[in-house]
N, C-alpha and C. Protein backbone atom coordinates (compact mmCIF):
# COMPACT_ATOMS: atom_id res chain seq x y z
N UNK A 1 0.84 -1.19 0.00
CA UNK A 1 0.00 0.00 0.00
C UNK A 1 0.88 1.24 0.00
N UNK A 2 0.45 2.26 -0.75
CA UNK A 2 1.11 3.56 -0.76
C UNK A 2 0.17 4.59 -0.16
N UNK A 3 0.73 5.44 0.69
CA UNK A 3 -0.11 6.43 1.36
C UNK A 3 0.55 7.80 1.26
N UNK A 4 -0.27 8.82 1.13
CA UNK A 4 0.22 10.20 1.19
C UNK A 4 -0.81 11.01 1.96
N UNK A 5 -0.58 12.31 2.06
CA UNK A 5 -1.53 13.14 2.80
C UNK A 5 -2.87 13.25 2.07
N UNK A 6 -2.90 13.00 0.75
CA UNK A 6 -4.12 13.14 -0.03
C UNK A 6 -4.77 11.82 -0.44
N UNK A 7 -3.95 10.82 -0.78
CA UNK A 7 -4.47 9.61 -1.43
C UNK A 7 -3.78 8.37 -0.87
N UNK A 8 -4.59 7.33 -0.61
CA UNK A 8 -4.07 6.00 -0.28
C UNK A 8 -4.35 5.07 -1.46
N UNK A 9 -3.41 4.18 -1.77
CA UNK A 9 -3.57 3.25 -2.89
C UNK A 9 -3.17 1.85 -2.45
N UNK A 10 -3.96 0.85 -2.84
CA UNK A 10 -3.60 -0.55 -2.63
C UNK A 10 -3.99 -1.33 -3.88
N UNK A 11 -3.16 -2.30 -4.27
CA UNK A 11 -3.35 -3.03 -5.52
C UNK A 11 -3.38 -4.53 -5.28
N UNK A 12 -4.36 -5.18 -5.90
CA UNK A 12 -4.41 -6.65 -5.99
C UNK A 12 -4.13 -7.00 -7.44
N UNK A 13 -3.18 -7.92 -7.66
CA UNK A 13 -2.92 -8.38 -9.03
C UNK A 13 -2.62 -9.87 -9.02
N UNK A 14 -3.22 -10.57 -9.96
CA UNK A 14 -3.05 -12.02 -10.06
C UNK A 14 -2.92 -12.40 -11.53
N UNK A 15 -1.96 -13.25 -11.82
CA UNK A 15 -1.70 -13.71 -13.18
C UNK A 15 -2.69 -14.82 -13.54
N UNK A 16 -3.09 -14.82 -14.82
CA UNK A 16 -3.96 -15.89 -15.32
C UNK A 16 -3.31 -17.25 -15.08
N UNK A 17 -4.12 -18.21 -14.67
CA UNK A 17 -3.62 -19.55 -14.40
C UNK A 17 -2.86 -20.09 -15.61
N UNK A 18 -1.68 -20.62 -15.37
CA UNK A 18 -0.87 -21.21 -16.43
C UNK A 18 0.12 -20.26 -17.06
N UNK A 19 0.05 -18.96 -16.73
CA UNK A 19 0.99 -17.98 -17.28
C UNK A 19 1.97 -17.53 -16.22
N UNK A 20 3.14 -17.11 -16.67
CA UNK A 20 4.14 -16.57 -15.74
C UNK A 20 4.17 -15.05 -15.76
N UNK A 21 3.61 -14.42 -16.81
CA UNK A 21 3.60 -12.97 -16.95
C UNK A 21 2.16 -12.46 -16.90
N UNK A 22 1.96 -11.37 -16.21
CA UNK A 22 0.64 -10.73 -16.17
C UNK A 22 0.52 -9.76 -17.34
N UNK A 23 -0.59 -9.83 -18.07
CA UNK A 23 -0.81 -8.94 -19.20
C UNK A 23 -1.30 -7.56 -18.79
N UNK A 24 -1.56 -7.34 -17.51
CA UNK A 24 -1.99 -6.03 -16.99
C UNK A 24 -0.77 -5.29 -16.44
N UNK A 25 -0.70 -3.99 -16.71
CA UNK A 25 0.33 -3.13 -16.11
C UNK A 25 -0.35 -1.87 -15.57
N UNK A 26 0.23 -1.34 -14.50
CA UNK A 26 -0.35 -0.13 -13.91
C UNK A 26 0.75 0.80 -13.43
N UNK A 27 0.36 2.04 -13.20
CA UNK A 27 1.29 3.07 -12.72
C UNK A 27 0.46 4.14 -12.03
N UNK A 28 1.00 4.70 -10.95
CA UNK A 28 0.35 5.87 -10.36
C UNK A 28 1.40 6.87 -9.89
N UNK A 29 0.98 8.11 -9.84
CA UNK A 29 1.88 9.24 -9.55
C UNK A 29 1.10 10.29 -8.79
N UNK A 30 1.76 10.92 -7.83
CA UNK A 30 1.13 12.03 -7.14
C UNK A 30 2.14 13.14 -6.92
N UNK A 31 1.69 14.36 -7.17
CA UNK A 31 2.47 15.53 -6.77
C UNK A 31 1.52 16.44 -5.96
N UNK A 32 1.90 17.69 -5.78
CA UNK A 32 1.08 18.57 -4.95
C UNK A 32 -0.27 18.91 -5.58
N UNK A 33 -0.34 18.79 -6.91
CA UNK A 33 -1.54 19.23 -7.62
C UNK A 33 -2.42 18.10 -8.15
N UNK A 34 -1.80 16.97 -8.51
CA UNK A 34 -2.55 15.90 -9.18
C UNK A 34 -2.18 14.52 -8.66
N UNK A 35 -3.16 13.64 -8.72
CA UNK A 35 -2.93 12.20 -8.60
C UNK A 35 -3.36 11.59 -9.93
N UNK A 36 -2.49 10.73 -10.49
CA UNK A 36 -2.78 10.08 -11.77
C UNK A 36 -2.56 8.58 -11.61
N UNK A 37 -3.52 7.79 -12.09
CA UNK A 37 -3.39 6.33 -12.07
C UNK A 37 -3.79 5.80 -13.43
N UNK A 38 -2.97 4.92 -14.00
CA UNK A 38 -3.25 4.30 -15.29
C UNK A 38 -3.23 2.79 -15.15
N UNK A 39 -4.17 2.13 -15.81
CA UNK A 39 -4.23 0.67 -15.85
C UNK A 39 -4.41 0.26 -17.30
N UNK A 40 -3.47 -0.55 -17.80
CA UNK A 40 -3.51 -1.04 -19.19
C UNK A 40 -3.57 -2.56 -19.17
N UNK A 41 -4.40 -3.11 -20.03
CA UNK A 41 -4.57 -4.56 -20.16
C UNK A 41 -4.24 -4.93 -21.59
N UNK A 42 -3.13 -5.66 -21.79
CA UNK A 42 -2.75 -6.10 -23.12
C UNK A 42 -3.71 -7.16 -23.63
N UNK A 43 -4.05 -7.10 -24.91
CA UNK A 43 -4.98 -8.06 -25.47
C UNK A 43 -4.40 -9.46 -25.40
N UNK A 44 -5.25 -10.41 -25.00
CA UNK A 44 -4.76 -11.77 -24.78
C UNK A 44 -4.14 -11.86 -23.39
N UNK A 45 -3.12 -12.69 -23.28
CA UNK A 45 -2.44 -12.84 -22.00
C UNK A 45 -1.00 -13.26 -22.25
N UNK A 46 -0.25 -13.34 -21.17
CA UNK A 46 1.13 -13.79 -21.27
C UNK A 46 2.11 -12.69 -21.65
N UNK A 47 3.27 -13.11 -22.16
CA UNK A 47 4.40 -12.22 -22.38
C UNK A 47 4.09 -11.11 -23.39
N UNK A 48 3.40 -11.45 -24.50
CA UNK A 48 3.12 -10.44 -25.53
C UNK A 48 2.11 -9.40 -25.04
N UNK A 49 1.14 -9.84 -24.24
CA UNK A 49 0.20 -8.89 -23.65
C UNK A 49 0.92 -7.98 -22.67
N UNK A 50 1.82 -8.54 -21.89
CA UNK A 50 2.61 -7.76 -20.93
C UNK A 50 3.47 -6.73 -21.65
N UNK A 51 4.08 -7.13 -22.76
CA UNK A 51 4.93 -6.21 -23.52
C UNK A 51 4.12 -4.98 -23.97
N UNK A 52 2.90 -5.21 -24.44
CA UNK A 52 2.06 -4.10 -24.91
C UNK A 52 1.60 -3.21 -23.76
N UNK A 53 1.09 -3.82 -22.70
CA UNK A 53 0.59 -3.00 -21.59
C UNK A 53 1.73 -2.22 -20.94
N UNK A 54 2.90 -2.82 -20.87
CA UNK A 54 4.05 -2.15 -20.29
C UNK A 54 4.50 -0.96 -21.15
N UNK A 55 4.42 -1.14 -22.49
CA UNK A 55 4.82 -0.06 -23.40
C UNK A 55 3.95 1.18 -23.18
N UNK A 56 2.63 0.98 -22.98
CA UNK A 56 1.72 2.10 -22.76
C UNK A 56 1.96 2.74 -21.40
N UNK A 57 2.15 1.92 -20.39
CA UNK A 57 2.41 2.46 -19.05
C UNK A 57 3.73 3.23 -19.03
N UNK A 58 4.73 2.76 -19.77
CA UNK A 58 6.00 3.49 -19.86
C UNK A 58 5.80 4.88 -20.48
N UNK A 59 4.92 4.96 -21.49
CA UNK A 59 4.61 6.25 -22.11
C UNK A 59 4.04 7.20 -21.07
N UNK A 60 3.07 6.72 -20.30
CA UNK A 60 2.42 7.57 -19.29
C UNK A 60 3.38 7.93 -18.17
N UNK A 61 4.18 6.97 -17.78
CA UNK A 61 5.15 7.21 -16.70
C UNK A 61 6.16 8.28 -17.09
N UNK A 62 6.47 8.39 -18.38
CA UNK A 62 7.45 9.40 -18.83
C UNK A 62 6.94 10.82 -18.65
N UNK A 63 5.60 11.00 -18.64
CA UNK A 63 5.01 12.31 -18.43
C UNK A 63 3.57 12.13 -17.96
N UNK A 64 3.37 11.89 -16.67
CA UNK A 64 2.03 11.55 -16.16
C UNK A 64 0.98 12.62 -16.38
N UNK A 65 1.39 13.87 -16.58
CA UNK A 65 0.42 14.96 -16.67
C UNK A 65 0.09 15.36 -18.11
N UNK A 66 0.54 14.58 -19.09
CA UNK A 66 0.19 14.90 -20.47
C UNK A 66 -1.32 14.70 -20.70
N UNK A 67 -1.83 15.33 -21.73
CA UNK A 67 -3.26 15.24 -22.03
C UNK A 67 -3.61 13.84 -22.49
N UNK A 68 -4.90 13.49 -22.40
CA UNK A 68 -5.33 12.17 -22.85
C UNK A 68 -5.12 12.04 -24.36
N UNK A 69 -5.27 13.13 -25.10
CA UNK A 69 -5.02 13.10 -26.54
C UNK A 69 -3.58 12.72 -26.83
N UNK A 70 -2.67 13.29 -26.07
CA UNK A 70 -1.24 12.98 -26.25
C UNK A 70 -0.94 11.55 -25.80
N UNK A 71 -1.57 11.09 -24.73
CA UNK A 71 -1.38 9.71 -24.28
C UNK A 71 -1.79 8.74 -25.39
N UNK A 72 -2.94 8.98 -26.01
CA UNK A 72 -3.43 8.09 -27.07
C UNK A 72 -2.47 8.10 -28.26
N UNK A 73 -2.05 9.28 -28.68
CA UNK A 73 -1.14 9.40 -29.81
C UNK A 73 0.17 8.66 -29.55
N UNK A 74 0.79 8.93 -28.40
CA UNK A 74 2.08 8.33 -28.11
C UNK A 74 1.97 6.83 -27.81
N UNK A 75 0.84 6.41 -27.23
CA UNK A 75 0.64 4.99 -26.97
C UNK A 75 0.50 4.21 -28.27
N UNK A 76 -0.26 4.76 -29.21
CA UNK A 76 -0.39 4.10 -30.51
C UNK A 76 0.97 3.95 -31.19
N UNK A 77 1.80 4.98 -31.06
CA UNK A 77 3.15 4.90 -31.62
C UNK A 77 3.96 3.80 -30.93
N UNK A 78 3.85 3.71 -29.61
CA UNK A 78 4.61 2.70 -28.84
C UNK A 78 4.12 1.29 -29.14
N UNK A 79 2.87 1.15 -29.59
CA UNK A 79 2.29 -0.16 -29.85
C UNK A 79 2.51 -0.65 -31.28
N UNK A 80 3.21 0.11 -32.09
CA UNK A 80 3.44 -0.31 -33.47
C UNK A 80 4.12 -1.69 -33.50
N UNK A 81 3.50 -2.65 -34.18
CA UNK A 81 4.05 -4.00 -34.27
C UNK A 81 3.76 -4.87 -33.06
N UNK A 82 2.99 -4.34 -32.11
CA UNK A 82 2.67 -5.10 -30.90
C UNK A 82 1.16 -5.34 -30.85
N UNK A 83 0.73 -6.12 -29.85
CA UNK A 83 -0.69 -6.28 -29.59
C UNK A 83 -1.29 -4.98 -29.08
N UNK A 84 -2.59 -4.85 -29.20
CA UNK A 84 -3.27 -3.68 -28.67
C UNK A 84 -3.48 -3.78 -27.17
N UNK A 85 -4.02 -2.72 -26.60
CA UNK A 85 -4.35 -2.68 -25.17
C UNK A 85 -5.67 -1.96 -24.97
N UNK A 86 -6.32 -2.26 -23.85
CA UNK A 86 -7.38 -1.40 -23.34
C UNK A 86 -6.78 -0.59 -22.18
N UNK A 87 -7.31 0.60 -21.97
CA UNK A 87 -6.63 1.54 -21.06
C UNK A 87 -7.63 2.37 -20.28
N UNK A 88 -7.34 2.57 -19.01
CA UNK A 88 -8.07 3.52 -18.18
C UNK A 88 -7.10 4.46 -17.49
N UNK A 89 -7.40 5.75 -17.49
CA UNK A 89 -6.55 6.75 -16.83
C UNK A 89 -7.43 7.62 -15.93
N UNK A 90 -7.13 7.60 -14.64
CA UNK A 90 -7.83 8.42 -13.66
C UNK A 90 -6.92 9.57 -13.25
N UNK A 91 -7.45 10.80 -13.34
CA UNK A 91 -6.69 11.97 -12.90
C UNK A 91 -7.53 12.72 -11.87
N UNK A 92 -6.96 12.94 -10.69
CA UNK A 92 -7.63 13.70 -9.65
C UNK A 92 -6.91 15.04 -9.49
N UNK A 93 -7.65 16.11 -9.69
CA UNK A 93 -7.14 17.46 -9.49
C UNK A 93 -7.30 17.75 -7.99
N UNK A 94 -6.20 17.69 -7.28
CA UNK A 94 -6.24 17.79 -5.82
C UNK A 94 -6.59 19.20 -5.35
N UNK A 95 -6.21 20.21 -6.13
CA UNK A 95 -6.49 21.59 -5.73
C UNK A 95 -7.98 21.92 -5.89
N UNK A 96 -8.57 21.46 -7.00
CA UNK A 96 -9.95 21.81 -7.31
C UNK A 96 -10.94 20.71 -6.95
N UNK A 97 -10.42 19.61 -6.42
CA UNK A 97 -11.23 18.48 -5.95
C UNK A 97 -12.20 17.99 -7.04
N UNK A 98 -11.61 17.72 -8.22
CA UNK A 98 -12.35 17.17 -9.35
C UNK A 98 -11.58 15.95 -9.88
N UNK A 99 -12.32 15.01 -10.44
CA UNK A 99 -11.65 13.88 -11.08
C UNK A 99 -12.12 13.77 -12.52
N UNK A 100 -11.23 13.21 -13.35
CA UNK A 100 -11.55 12.88 -14.73
C UNK A 100 -11.07 11.47 -14.99
N UNK A 101 -11.93 10.68 -15.63
CA UNK A 101 -11.56 9.31 -15.97
C UNK A 101 -11.76 9.11 -17.47
N UNK A 102 -10.69 8.73 -18.15
CA UNK A 102 -10.73 8.48 -19.59
C UNK A 102 -10.43 7.01 -19.83
N UNK A 103 -11.22 6.37 -20.69
CA UNK A 103 -10.99 4.95 -20.95
C UNK A 103 -11.24 4.61 -22.41
N UNK A 104 -10.50 3.63 -22.86
CA UNK A 104 -10.70 3.03 -24.17
C UNK A 104 -10.73 1.53 -23.92
N UNK A 105 -11.88 0.91 -24.17
CA UNK A 105 -12.02 -0.51 -23.88
C UNK A 105 -12.53 -0.74 -22.47
N UNK A 106 -12.35 -1.97 -22.01
CA UNK A 106 -13.08 -2.43 -20.81
C UNK A 106 -12.29 -2.37 -19.51
N UNK A 107 -11.59 -1.25 -19.27
CA UNK A 107 -11.09 -0.98 -17.92
C UNK A 107 -12.21 -0.23 -17.20
N UNK A 108 -12.60 -0.76 -16.06
CA UNK A 108 -13.78 -0.28 -15.35
C UNK A 108 -13.41 0.68 -14.22
N UNK A 109 -14.32 1.58 -13.90
CA UNK A 109 -14.16 2.47 -12.74
C UNK A 109 -15.46 2.51 -11.97
N UNK A 110 -15.38 2.31 -10.66
CA UNK A 110 -16.51 2.52 -9.77
C UNK A 110 -16.08 3.49 -8.69
N UNK A 111 -17.00 4.35 -8.29
CA UNK A 111 -16.73 5.25 -7.16
C UNK A 111 -17.74 4.95 -6.06
N UNK A 112 -17.27 5.08 -4.83
CA UNK A 112 -18.14 4.92 -3.67
C UNK A 112 -17.93 6.14 -2.78
N UNK A 113 -19.00 6.89 -2.54
CA UNK A 113 -18.90 8.08 -1.70
C UNK A 113 -18.81 7.68 -0.24
N UNK A 114 -18.51 8.65 0.60
CA UNK A 114 -18.40 8.38 2.04
C UNK A 114 -19.74 7.96 2.63
N UNK A 115 -20.84 8.27 1.92
CA UNK A 115 -22.16 7.86 2.39
C UNK A 115 -22.64 6.57 1.73
N UNK A 116 -21.77 5.94 0.94
CA UNK A 116 -22.10 4.65 0.34
C UNK A 116 -22.75 4.70 -1.02
N UNK A 117 -22.83 5.88 -1.64
CA UNK A 117 -23.42 5.99 -2.98
C UNK A 117 -22.42 5.47 -4.01
N UNK A 118 -22.84 4.48 -4.82
CA UNK A 118 -21.97 3.85 -5.80
C UNK A 118 -22.33 4.34 -7.21
N UNK A 119 -21.29 4.61 -8.00
CA UNK A 119 -21.47 4.95 -9.41
C UNK A 119 -20.45 4.16 -10.22
N UNK A 120 -20.89 3.69 -11.39
CA UNK A 120 -20.01 2.91 -12.25
C UNK A 120 -19.95 3.56 -13.62
N UNK A 121 -18.73 3.68 -14.14
CA UNK A 121 -18.55 4.12 -15.52
C UNK A 121 -18.60 2.88 -16.41
N UNK A 122 -19.65 2.77 -17.24
CA UNK A 122 -19.81 1.59 -18.09
C UNK A 122 -18.73 1.61 -19.17
N UNK A 123 -17.95 0.53 -19.30
CA UNK A 123 -16.86 0.53 -20.30
C UNK A 123 -17.41 0.60 -21.72
N UNK A 124 -16.55 1.06 -22.63
CA UNK A 124 -16.88 1.11 -24.05
C UNK A 124 -16.08 0.04 -24.79
N UNK A 125 -16.49 -0.26 -26.01
CA UNK A 125 -15.74 -1.22 -26.80
C UNK A 125 -14.54 -0.54 -27.44
N UNK A 126 -13.61 -1.35 -27.93
CA UNK A 126 -12.46 -0.81 -28.65
C UNK A 126 -11.16 -1.01 -27.90
N UNK A 127 -10.07 -0.65 -28.55
CA UNK A 127 -8.75 -0.79 -27.96
C UNK A 127 -7.76 0.14 -28.68
N UNK A 128 -6.66 0.41 -28.02
CA UNK A 128 -5.55 1.17 -28.61
C UNK A 128 -4.65 0.22 -29.37
N UNK A 129 -3.99 0.76 -30.38
CA UNK A 129 -2.97 -0.02 -31.06
C UNK A 129 -3.11 -0.07 -32.55
N UNK A 130 -4.25 0.34 -33.07
CA UNK A 130 -4.42 0.29 -34.51
C UNK A 130 -4.58 1.69 -35.11
N UNK A 131 -5.42 2.49 -34.49
CA UNK A 131 -5.62 3.86 -34.96
C UNK A 131 -6.12 4.68 -33.78
N UNK A 132 -6.15 5.99 -33.98
CA UNK A 132 -6.55 6.88 -32.88
C UNK A 132 -8.00 6.63 -32.50
N UNK A 133 -8.25 6.53 -31.23
CA UNK A 133 -9.59 6.28 -30.72
C UNK A 133 -10.06 7.49 -29.91
N UNK A 134 -11.36 7.68 -29.87
CA UNK A 134 -11.93 8.72 -29.02
C UNK A 134 -12.29 8.07 -27.69
N UNK A 135 -11.69 8.51 -26.60
CA UNK A 135 -11.94 7.86 -25.32
C UNK A 135 -13.30 8.24 -24.74
N UNK A 136 -13.79 7.39 -23.87
CA UNK A 136 -14.95 7.75 -23.05
C UNK A 136 -14.41 8.52 -21.85
N UNK A 137 -14.99 9.67 -21.58
CA UNK A 137 -14.51 10.51 -20.48
C UNK A 137 -15.66 10.82 -19.54
N UNK A 138 -15.46 10.56 -18.25
CA UNK A 138 -16.41 10.95 -17.22
C UNK A 138 -15.67 11.82 -16.20
N UNK A 139 -16.40 12.71 -15.55
CA UNK A 139 -15.77 13.57 -14.55
C UNK A 139 -16.77 13.87 -13.45
N UNK A 140 -16.24 14.35 -12.34
CA UNK A 140 -17.10 14.68 -11.22
C UNK A 140 -16.32 15.28 -10.09
N UNK A 141 -17.04 15.65 -9.06
CA UNK A 141 -16.42 16.20 -7.86
C UNK A 141 -15.87 15.07 -7.00
N UNK A 142 -14.78 15.34 -6.32
CA UNK A 142 -14.19 14.40 -5.39
C UNK A 142 -14.60 14.79 -3.98
N UNK A 143 -15.12 13.83 -3.25
CA UNK A 143 -15.52 14.08 -1.87
C UNK A 143 -14.50 13.48 -0.92
N UNK A 144 -14.40 14.03 0.27
CA UNK A 144 -13.53 13.45 1.28
C UNK A 144 -13.94 12.01 1.55
N UNK A 145 -12.96 11.13 1.61
CA UNK A 145 -13.13 9.70 1.88
C UNK A 145 -13.82 8.93 0.74
N UNK A 146 -13.88 9.53 -0.45
CA UNK A 146 -14.38 8.80 -1.62
C UNK A 146 -13.37 7.72 -2.00
N UNK A 147 -13.88 6.56 -2.40
CA UNK A 147 -13.02 5.46 -2.83
C UNK A 147 -13.29 5.15 -4.29
N UNK A 148 -12.20 5.01 -5.05
CA UNK A 148 -12.26 4.64 -6.46
C UNK A 148 -11.79 3.19 -6.60
N UNK A 149 -12.52 2.41 -7.40
CA UNK A 149 -12.11 1.06 -7.75
C UNK A 149 -11.84 1.04 -9.25
N UNK A 150 -10.58 0.85 -9.64
CA UNK A 150 -10.22 0.65 -11.05
C UNK A 150 -9.89 -0.82 -11.23
N UNK A 151 -10.42 -1.44 -12.32
CA UNK A 151 -10.15 -2.88 -12.47
C UNK A 151 -10.20 -3.33 -13.92
N UNK A 152 -9.39 -4.36 -14.19
CA UNK A 152 -9.36 -4.97 -15.51
C UNK A 152 -10.48 -5.99 -15.63
N UNK A 153 -10.62 -6.58 -16.83
CA UNK A 153 -11.76 -7.47 -17.05
C UNK A 153 -11.63 -8.82 -16.35
N UNK A 154 -10.52 -9.05 -15.67
CA UNK A 154 -10.43 -10.23 -14.80
C UNK A 154 -11.28 -10.10 -13.56
N UNK A 155 -11.76 -8.88 -13.29
CA UNK A 155 -12.66 -8.62 -12.16
C UNK A 155 -14.06 -8.40 -12.73
N UNK A 156 -15.01 -9.17 -12.28
CA UNK A 156 -16.41 -8.94 -12.64
C UNK A 156 -16.99 -7.95 -11.62
N UNK A 157 -17.86 -7.05 -12.07
CA UNK A 157 -18.50 -6.14 -11.09
C UNK A 157 -19.18 -6.90 -9.96
N UNK A 158 -19.62 -8.14 -10.23
CA UNK A 158 -20.25 -8.93 -9.16
C UNK A 158 -19.23 -9.43 -8.14
N UNK A 159 -17.93 -9.40 -8.50
CA UNK A 159 -16.88 -9.75 -7.53
C UNK A 159 -16.75 -8.68 -6.45
N UNK A 160 -17.21 -7.47 -6.76
CA UNK A 160 -17.12 -6.36 -5.82
C UNK A 160 -18.38 -6.36 -4.97
N UNK A 161 -18.30 -7.02 -3.85
CA UNK A 161 -19.47 -7.27 -3.00
C UNK A 161 -19.77 -6.08 -2.09
N UNK A 162 -20.96 -6.11 -1.52
CA UNK A 162 -21.35 -5.06 -0.57
C UNK A 162 -20.38 -5.01 0.61
N UNK A 163 -19.82 -6.17 0.98
CA UNK A 163 -18.85 -6.20 2.07
C UNK A 163 -17.65 -5.32 1.74
N UNK A 164 -17.15 -5.41 0.50
CA UNK A 164 -15.99 -4.59 0.11
C UNK A 164 -16.34 -3.11 0.15
N UNK A 165 -17.54 -2.75 -0.26
CA UNK A 165 -17.92 -1.34 -0.31
C UNK A 165 -18.07 -0.73 1.09
N UNK A 166 -18.22 -1.57 2.09
CA UNK A 166 -18.34 -1.05 3.46
C UNK A 166 -16.98 -0.81 4.12
N UNK A 167 -15.91 -1.35 3.53
CA UNK A 167 -14.57 -1.19 4.09
C UNK A 167 -14.03 0.17 3.69
N UNK A 168 -13.40 0.87 4.63
CA UNK A 168 -12.92 2.23 4.35
C UNK A 168 -11.41 2.33 4.23
N UNK A 169 -10.68 1.23 4.47
CA UNK A 169 -9.23 1.20 4.36
C UNK A 169 -8.87 0.42 3.10
N UNK A 170 -8.07 1.03 2.20
CA UNK A 170 -7.82 0.39 0.90
C UNK A 170 -7.04 -0.92 1.03
N UNK A 171 -6.12 -0.99 1.97
CA UNK A 171 -5.38 -2.25 2.16
C UNK A 171 -6.32 -3.35 2.62
N UNK A 172 -7.25 -3.02 3.50
CA UNK A 172 -8.23 -4.01 3.94
C UNK A 172 -9.15 -4.41 2.79
N UNK A 173 -9.43 -3.49 1.86
CA UNK A 173 -10.25 -3.83 0.69
C UNK A 173 -9.55 -4.89 -0.15
N UNK A 174 -8.27 -4.67 -0.49
CA UNK A 174 -7.57 -5.64 -1.34
C UNK A 174 -7.32 -6.95 -0.60
N UNK A 175 -7.13 -6.89 0.73
CA UNK A 175 -6.99 -8.12 1.50
C UNK A 175 -8.28 -8.93 1.47
N UNK A 176 -9.42 -8.25 1.66
CA UNK A 176 -10.71 -8.94 1.63
C UNK A 176 -11.00 -9.49 0.24
N UNK A 177 -10.64 -8.74 -0.80
CA UNK A 177 -10.83 -9.21 -2.17
C UNK A 177 -9.99 -10.46 -2.42
N UNK A 178 -8.76 -10.47 -1.93
CA UNK A 178 -7.88 -11.63 -2.08
C UNK A 178 -8.51 -12.87 -1.43
N UNK A 179 -9.06 -12.69 -0.25
CA UNK A 179 -9.64 -13.82 0.48
C UNK A 179 -10.87 -14.40 -0.23
N UNK A 180 -11.64 -13.56 -0.89
CA UNK A 180 -12.88 -14.05 -1.49
C UNK A 180 -12.69 -14.59 -2.91
N UNK A 181 -11.54 -14.30 -3.54
CA UNK A 181 -11.35 -14.70 -4.93
C UNK A 181 -10.79 -16.10 -5.05
N UNK A 182 -11.23 -16.81 -6.10
CA UNK A 182 -10.62 -18.08 -6.49
C UNK A 182 -9.23 -17.75 -7.02
N UNK A 183 -8.22 -18.34 -6.45
CA UNK A 183 -6.85 -17.98 -6.85
C UNK A 183 -6.45 -18.55 -8.21
N UNK A 184 -7.20 -19.50 -8.75
CA UNK A 184 -6.96 -20.00 -10.10
C UNK A 184 -7.78 -19.17 -11.08
N UNK A 185 -7.19 -18.08 -11.52
CA UNK A 185 -7.93 -17.10 -12.33
C UNK A 185 -7.94 -17.50 -13.80
N UNK A 186 -9.08 -17.24 -14.47
CA UNK A 186 -9.22 -17.50 -15.90
C UNK A 186 -8.72 -16.33 -16.73
N UNK A 187 -8.35 -15.24 -16.09
CA UNK A 187 -7.84 -14.07 -16.79
C UNK A 187 -6.90 -13.32 -15.85
N UNK A 188 -6.00 -12.54 -16.44
CA UNK A 188 -5.20 -11.64 -15.60
C UNK A 188 -6.15 -10.71 -14.86
N UNK A 189 -5.86 -10.46 -13.60
CA UNK A 189 -6.79 -9.72 -12.74
C UNK A 189 -6.04 -8.62 -11.99
N UNK A 190 -6.54 -7.40 -12.12
CA UNK A 190 -5.98 -6.27 -11.37
C UNK A 190 -7.11 -5.44 -10.80
N UNK A 191 -7.04 -5.19 -9.50
CA UNK A 191 -7.96 -4.29 -8.81
C UNK A 191 -7.13 -3.25 -8.08
N UNK A 192 -7.40 -1.98 -8.36
CA UNK A 192 -6.69 -0.88 -7.70
C UNK A 192 -7.73 -0.11 -6.86
N UNK A 193 -7.52 -0.06 -5.54
CA UNK A 193 -8.38 0.70 -4.65
C UNK A 193 -7.68 2.00 -4.27
N UNK A 194 -8.38 3.11 -4.47
CA UNK A 194 -7.81 4.45 -4.27
C UNK A 194 -8.76 5.23 -3.36
N UNK A 195 -8.23 5.78 -2.29
CA UNK A 195 -9.05 6.57 -1.37
C UNK A 195 -8.54 8.01 -1.34
N UNK A 196 -9.46 8.93 -1.61
CA UNK A 196 -9.15 10.35 -1.49
C UNK A 196 -9.46 10.79 -0.07
N UNK A 197 -8.44 11.30 0.63
CA UNK A 197 -8.62 11.65 2.03
C UNK A 197 -8.92 13.13 2.23
């Protein structure tokens, strides 16, 4: 778990049964003004999927505050000759207490307010790697103690139980998720729990 004065982060990741490499890659960054988290899922699984998802995460890691348009352009360039990826990028403006979530493909985002109100951004079809895509973008206000759940398609929304939504500590969320999941996964699985404090 990573903690700062503004944001706590905890990650659960499990490789698809029978593979040695996870096709999901993630990265997060925080400075005084922004928190940024990216989750990329390479198409398929194994080493080639990992190569693609890692290439996109490396692009974002090189400049976490670039625009989503620039991320898409540079990611497509990095994916030349590789498999495609689906991608979700969450940016929290810490000064103005707003968040923006941009996604291409089936990286999911759910938010849970401090009063238990849940909202889900329904994923769109498509992937990066062939041509420029128009991302789905959602935004909203960030409330104190709001929790964000970012996850790849190895996590079904039904895996996120009411018990998990009642937990307010992100490390306890990923621990509880680990305990309830079948460890022989049919897909690479990544769940990132993020709490805005």
